[in-house]
Amino acid sequence: MTGRNRLTISLGGTRMAYKGFDISYCPTKTQLQNFWTGSPFYFTSFYTGPNASNATSFKGQAAMIKSIGYGLMLVYVGRQKSSSNLTKSQGNTDAIDAGSKIDAEKDANGNAAISTSATIFLDIEQGGQLSSSFLDYIEGFCKGIWDNTTYYPGIYCSYSSTADQIKTRLETVKIGTVSLADFTKFWVFRLSNPSPGCTVTTNLEPSDSGVSYADVWQYAQSPTGTECKITYNGTTLGVDLDLAITTNPSGA
């Protein structure tokens, strides 16, 4: 794919991070508006994919979410460690599916609701050591996004050794004089120290996750919707909390 620039990150002389939240279902417009007004949040999540439990609630809602002012983290929930057919070919197939699902998001005038150069994060729930077949699938997905769509690849995964394994694998895939890893954003989760827990009062940044190249750090989670509850303007949501180096992590 030509015409796309290598991703470079610079936070300038004063390093800072922007706060956001992700949630597995799409809140209503009123709820999202209440979480925008007077809050520290700049971005939120947008889930799609065959294994995203509430993907249908996000379908057709990208334009609405963006109209409030939010940046987006586009997340594709594909195959996980226990899935069958963890191959490069299946990764490529899922990449094409991810691109088509994001392509389908339109505004009221029928125009694309999401930038054609946005990053799509592949959801990887397993932490620790990944199997070679799982790495094959991940490589196939990222290469498939690059080869067959206008989008950029991204990875959501554990900070631990997981991010390094994936980055090392993607470094073996050459795109001209650089590697696929140079075009891939990383969103890592780490809930242990130095995570401040369920609070928006923090001066930390993604690199404090322990992954120096992280673009986003998910530092608190609410897997059942009860562990981390945040309230703004009368709306309470159970959310995961994130820090990013930009206000729009997917560039959507």
Protein backbone atom coordinates (compact mmCIF):
# COMPACT_ATOMS: atom_id res chain seq x y z
CA MET A 1 0.00 0.00 0.00
CA THR A 2 1.50 3.33 -1.01
CA GLY A 3 0.78 6.86 0.06
CA ARG A 4 0.80 6.23 3.80
CA ASN A 5 3.41 7.75 6.09
CA ARG A 6 5.36 5.98 8.79
CA LEU A 7 3.88 6.63 12.22
CA THR A 8 6.01 8.90 14.37
CA ILE A 9 5.22 9.95 17.90
CA SER A 10 6.46 13.07 19.63
CA LEU A 11 5.09 14.49 22.85
CA GLY A 12 7.33 17.56 22.66
CA GLY A 13 9.13 19.10 25.59
CA THR A 14 6.27 18.64 28.07
CA ARG A 15 4.97 15.10 28.17
CA MET A 16 1.28 14.59 28.88
CA ALA A 17 -1.51 12.12 28.31
CA TYR A 18 -5.17 12.40 27.45
CA LYS A 19 -7.87 10.52 29.37
CA GLY A 20 -10.56 8.35 27.87
CA PHE A 21 -12.77 5.38 28.64
CA ASP A 22 -13.84 2.22 26.90
CA ILE A 23 -17.00 0.26 27.38
CA SER A 24 -18.18 -2.96 25.73
CA TYR A 25 -21.60 -1.63 24.67
CA CYS A 26 -22.59 1.68 23.10
CA PRO A 27 -24.17 4.04 25.64
CA THR A 28 -27.05 6.26 24.55
CA LYS A 29 -26.38 9.68 23.07
CA THR A 30 -27.57 11.32 26.30
CA GLN A 31 -25.24 9.18 28.39
CA LEU A 32 -22.30 9.94 26.12
CA GLN A 33 -23.11 13.65 26.15
CA ASN A 34 -23.22 13.62 29.96
CA PHE A 35 -19.83 11.89 30.04
CA TRP A 36 -18.42 14.53 27.69
CA THR A 37 -19.64 17.70 29.37
CA GLY A 38 -17.30 18.81 32.15
CA SER A 39 -15.39 15.52 32.21
CA PRO A 40 -11.69 14.88 31.52
CA PHE A 41 -12.50 12.39 28.72
CA TYR A 42 -11.40 12.96 25.14
CA PHE A 43 -12.05 9.56 23.58
CA THR A 44 -14.05 6.36 23.89
CA SER A 45 -14.31 2.90 22.30
CA PHE A 46 -16.05 1.54 19.23
CA TYR A 47 -16.31 -2.27 19.08
CA THR A 48 -16.90 -4.51 16.10
CA GLY A 49 -16.07 -8.06 15.03
CA PRO A 50 -17.68 -11.50 15.25
CA ASN A 51 -16.76 -12.04 18.90
CA ALA A 52 -17.58 -8.58 20.26
CA SER A 53 -20.46 -9.30 22.64
CA ASN A 54 -22.30 -6.04 21.98
CA ALA A 55 -21.03 -5.09 18.53
CA THR A 56 -24.55 -4.56 17.23
CA SER A 57 -25.06 -1.72 19.71
CA PHE A 58 -22.20 0.21 18.05
CA LYS A 59 -23.25 -0.49 14.47
CA GLY A 60 -24.14 2.78 12.74
CA GLN A 61 -23.23 4.90 15.79
CA ALA A 62 -19.75 6.17 14.89
CA ALA A 63 -21.03 9.45 13.43
CA MET A 64 -23.17 10.08 16.52
CA ILE A 65 -20.30 9.43 18.92
CA LYS A 66 -17.95 11.67 16.95
CA SER A 67 -20.56 14.44 16.70
CA ILE A 68 -20.37 14.89 20.47
CA GLY A 69 -16.63 15.46 20.19
CA TYR A 70 -15.10 12.11 21.09
CA GLY A 71 -12.07 10.60 19.46
CA LEU A 72 -12.32 6.85 18.95
CA MET A 73 -10.50 3.62 19.68
CA LEU A 74 -11.69 1.19 17.00
CA VAL A 75 -11.56 -2.37 18.34
CA TYR A 76 -12.01 -5.56 16.32
CA VAL A 77 -12.72 -8.64 18.46
CA GLY A 78 -11.65 -11.58 16.33
CA ARG A 79 -10.14 -14.89 17.38
CA GLN A 80 -8.61 -15.65 20.77
CA LYS A 81 -6.12 -18.24 22.06
CA SER A 82 -8.66 -21.09 22.22
CA SER A 83 -10.11 -20.41 18.77
CA SER A 84 -9.67 -22.76 15.85
CA ASN A 85 -7.85 -21.87 12.64
CA LEU A 86 -5.27 -19.51 14.12
CA THR A 87 -3.46 -18.95 10.83
CA LYS A 88 -2.10 -16.08 8.79
CA SER A 89 -4.81 -16.73 6.22
CA GLN A 90 -7.57 -16.42 8.82
CA GLY A 91 -5.96 -13.26 10.15
CA ASN A 92 -6.03 -11.82 6.65
CA THR A 93 -9.70 -12.80 6.26
CA ASP A 94 -10.58 -11.12 9.55
CA ALA A 95 -8.65 -8.01 8.55
CA ILE A 96 -10.75 -7.67 5.42
CA ASP A 97 -13.88 -8.16 7.55
CA ALA A 98 -12.69 -5.46 9.97
CA GLY A 99 -12.10 -3.03 7.15
CA SER A 100 -15.52 -3.66 5.62
CA LYS A 101 -17.26 -3.16 8.95
CA ILE A 102 -15.52 0.19 9.49
CA ASP A 103 -16.18 1.16 5.85
CA ALA A 104 -19.89 0.62 6.52
CA GLU A 105 -20.03 3.40 9.12
CA LYS A 106 -21.67 6.40 7.42
CA ASP A 107 -22.93 9.80 8.48
CA ALA A 108 -26.43 11.14 7.78
CA ASN A 109 -25.39 12.15 4.26
CA GLY A 110 -24.00 8.74 3.42
CA ASN A 111 -20.38 9.84 3.70
CA ALA A 112 -17.71 7.88 5.55
CA ALA A 113 -18.08 8.45 9.29
CA ILE A 114 -14.54 7.22 10.03
CA SER A 115 -11.28 8.36 8.48
CA THR A 116 -9.98 5.95 5.86
CA SER A 117 -6.55 6.12 7.52
CA ALA A 118 -7.78 5.19 11.02
CA THR A 119 -6.16 2.49 13.16
CA ILE A 120 -8.11 -0.70 13.92
CA PHE A 121 -6.96 -2.38 17.15
CA LEU A 122 -7.10 -6.19 17.20
CA ASP A 123 -8.30 -7.39 20.61
CA ILE A 124 -5.90 -9.89 22.24
CA GLU A 125 -7.15 -10.94 25.67
CA GLN A 126 -4.48 -13.51 26.54
CA GLY A 127 -1.49 -12.30 28.50
CA GLY A 128 1.93 -13.86 28.88
CA GLN A 129 3.45 -16.20 26.31
CA LEU A 130 1.54 -16.49 23.04
CA SER A 131 1.61 -19.60 20.88
CA SER A 132 3.27 -19.48 17.48
CA SER A 133 -0.10 -20.10 15.83
CA PHE A 134 -1.65 -17.14 17.67
CA LEU A 135 1.26 -14.98 16.53
CA ASP A 136 0.65 -16.22 12.98
CA TYR A 137 -2.97 -15.07 13.23
CA ILE A 138 -1.97 -11.68 14.63
CA GLU A 139 0.64 -11.19 11.91
CA GLY A 140 -1.91 -12.16 9.26
CA PHE A 141 -4.40 -9.66 10.62
CA CYS A 142 -1.95 -6.76 10.75
CA LYS A 143 -0.53 -7.54 7.30
CA GLY A 144 -4.06 -7.97 5.97
CA ILE A 145 -5.07 -4.55 7.27
CA TRP A 146 -2.02 -3.07 5.56
CA ASP A 147 -2.37 -4.94 2.27
CA ASN A 148 -6.12 -5.01 1.78
CA THR A 149 -7.57 -1.88 3.41
CA THR A 150 -6.75 1.81 3.70
CA TYR A 151 -6.48 1.48 7.49
CA TYR A 152 -3.57 1.00 9.88
CA PRO A 153 -3.13 -2.01 12.20
CA GLY A 154 -3.20 -1.74 15.97
CA ILE A 155 -2.97 -4.21 18.85
CA TYR A 156 -4.78 -4.27 22.20
CA CYS A 157 -2.94 -6.62 24.54
CA SER A 158 -1.36 -7.19 27.93
CA TYR A 159 1.69 -5.10 28.78
CA SER A 160 3.68 -8.01 30.28
CA SER A 161 5.70 -9.94 27.72
CA THR A 162 2.81 -10.00 25.27
CA ALA A 163 3.35 -6.65 23.59
CA ASP A 164 7.06 -7.36 23.07
CA GLN A 165 6.31 -10.76 21.50
CA ILE A 166 3.88 -9.23 19.03
CA LYS A 167 6.16 -6.31 18.21
CA THR A 168 9.10 -8.68 17.65
CA ARG A 169 7.01 -10.80 15.26
CA LEU A 170 5.81 -7.76 13.31
CA GLU A 171 9.38 -6.50 13.01
CA THR A 172 10.08 -9.53 10.80
CA VAL A 173 7.49 -8.35 8.25
CA LYS A 174 9.16 -5.80 5.99
CA ILE A 175 7.33 -2.87 4.41
CA GLY A 176 9.91 -1.30 2.15
CA THR A 177 12.90 -0.36 4.30
CA VAL A 178 10.99 -0.55 7.61
CA SER A 179 8.79 -3.14 9.28
CA LEU A 180 5.10 -3.65 9.90
CA ALA A 181 5.75 -2.88 13.57
CA ASP A 182 6.59 0.70 12.58
CA PHE A 183 3.02 1.17 11.35
CA THR A 184 1.29 -0.60 14.25
CA LYS A 185 -0.06 1.16 17.33
CA PHE A 186 -0.10 -0.60 20.71
CA TRP A 187 -2.82 -0.24 23.34
CA VAL A 188 -1.77 -2.17 26.44
CA PHE A 189 -3.55 -3.11 29.62
CA ARG A 190 -1.86 -3.14 33.01
CA LEU A 191 -3.92 -3.06 36.19
CA SER A 192 -1.10 -3.62 38.67
CA ASN A 193 1.23 -0.99 40.14
CA PRO A 194 1.83 1.76 38.97
CA SER A 195 -1.83 1.83 37.92
CA PRO A 196 -3.67 4.37 40.10
CA GLY A 197 -6.83 2.23 39.99
CA CYS A 198 -10.33 3.49 39.32
CA THR A 199 -9.67 7.23 39.30
CA VAL A 200 -9.30 9.92 36.67
CA THR A 201 -6.89 11.82 38.91
CA THR A 202 -3.49 10.83 37.56
CA ASN A 203 -0.51 12.43 35.86
CA LEU A 204 0.77 9.16 34.41
CA GLU A 205 1.20 8.50 30.69
CA PRO A 206 1.13 5.39 28.45
CA SER A 207 4.86 4.70 28.72
CA ASP A 208 4.43 4.35 32.50
CA SER A 209 2.63 1.08 31.75
CA GLY A 210 6.05 -0.52 31.32
CA VAL A 211 5.78 -0.50 27.52
CA SER A 212 7.86 2.40 26.25
CA TYR A 213 6.21 2.37 22.81
CA ALA A 214 2.59 2.18 24.07
CA ASP A 215 0.18 4.62 22.45
CA VAL A 216 -2.60 3.87 24.93
CA TRP A 217 -2.62 2.40 28.44
CA GLN A 218 -5.75 0.83 29.91
CA TYR A 219 -5.07 1.16 33.64
CA ALA A 220 -8.44 0.23 35.18
CA GLN A 221 -11.15 -2.22 34.13
CA SER A 222 -14.77 -2.94 34.90
CA PRO A 223 -15.37 -6.37 33.32
CA THR A 224 -18.83 -6.82 34.83
CA GLY A 225 -19.72 -3.13 34.81
CA THR A 226 -19.46 -2.83 38.58
CA GLU A 227 -15.74 -2.71 39.39
CA CYS A 228 -15.07 0.82 38.15
CA LYS A 229 -18.08 3.13 38.15
CA ILE A 230 -17.72 6.75 37.12
CA THR A 231 -20.45 9.42 37.33
CA TYR A 232 -20.84 12.66 35.36
CA ASN A 233 -23.93 14.83 35.12
CA GLY A 234 -26.20 12.21 36.64
CA THR A 235 -24.99 9.37 34.40
CA THR A 236 -23.11 6.47 35.99
CA LEU A 237 -21.30 3.96 33.79
CA GLY A 238 -19.07 0.99 34.53
CA VAL A 239 -16.03 1.69 32.38
CA ASP A 240 -12.41 0.85 31.70
CA LEU A 241 -10.09 3.84 32.01
CA ASP A 242 -7.36 4.76 29.54
CA LEU A 243 -4.51 7.18 28.95
CA ALA A 244 -3.37 8.02 25.41
CA ILE A 245 -0.79 10.20 23.74
CA THR A 246 -3.46 11.75 21.49
CA THR A 247 -7.11 12.76 21.86
CA ASN A 248 -8.12 10.39 19.07
CA PRO A 249 -6.10 7.16 19.44
CA SER A 250 -7.41 5.56 16.23
CA GLY A 251 -7.21 8.81 14.29
CA ALA A 252 -10.81 8.15 13.38
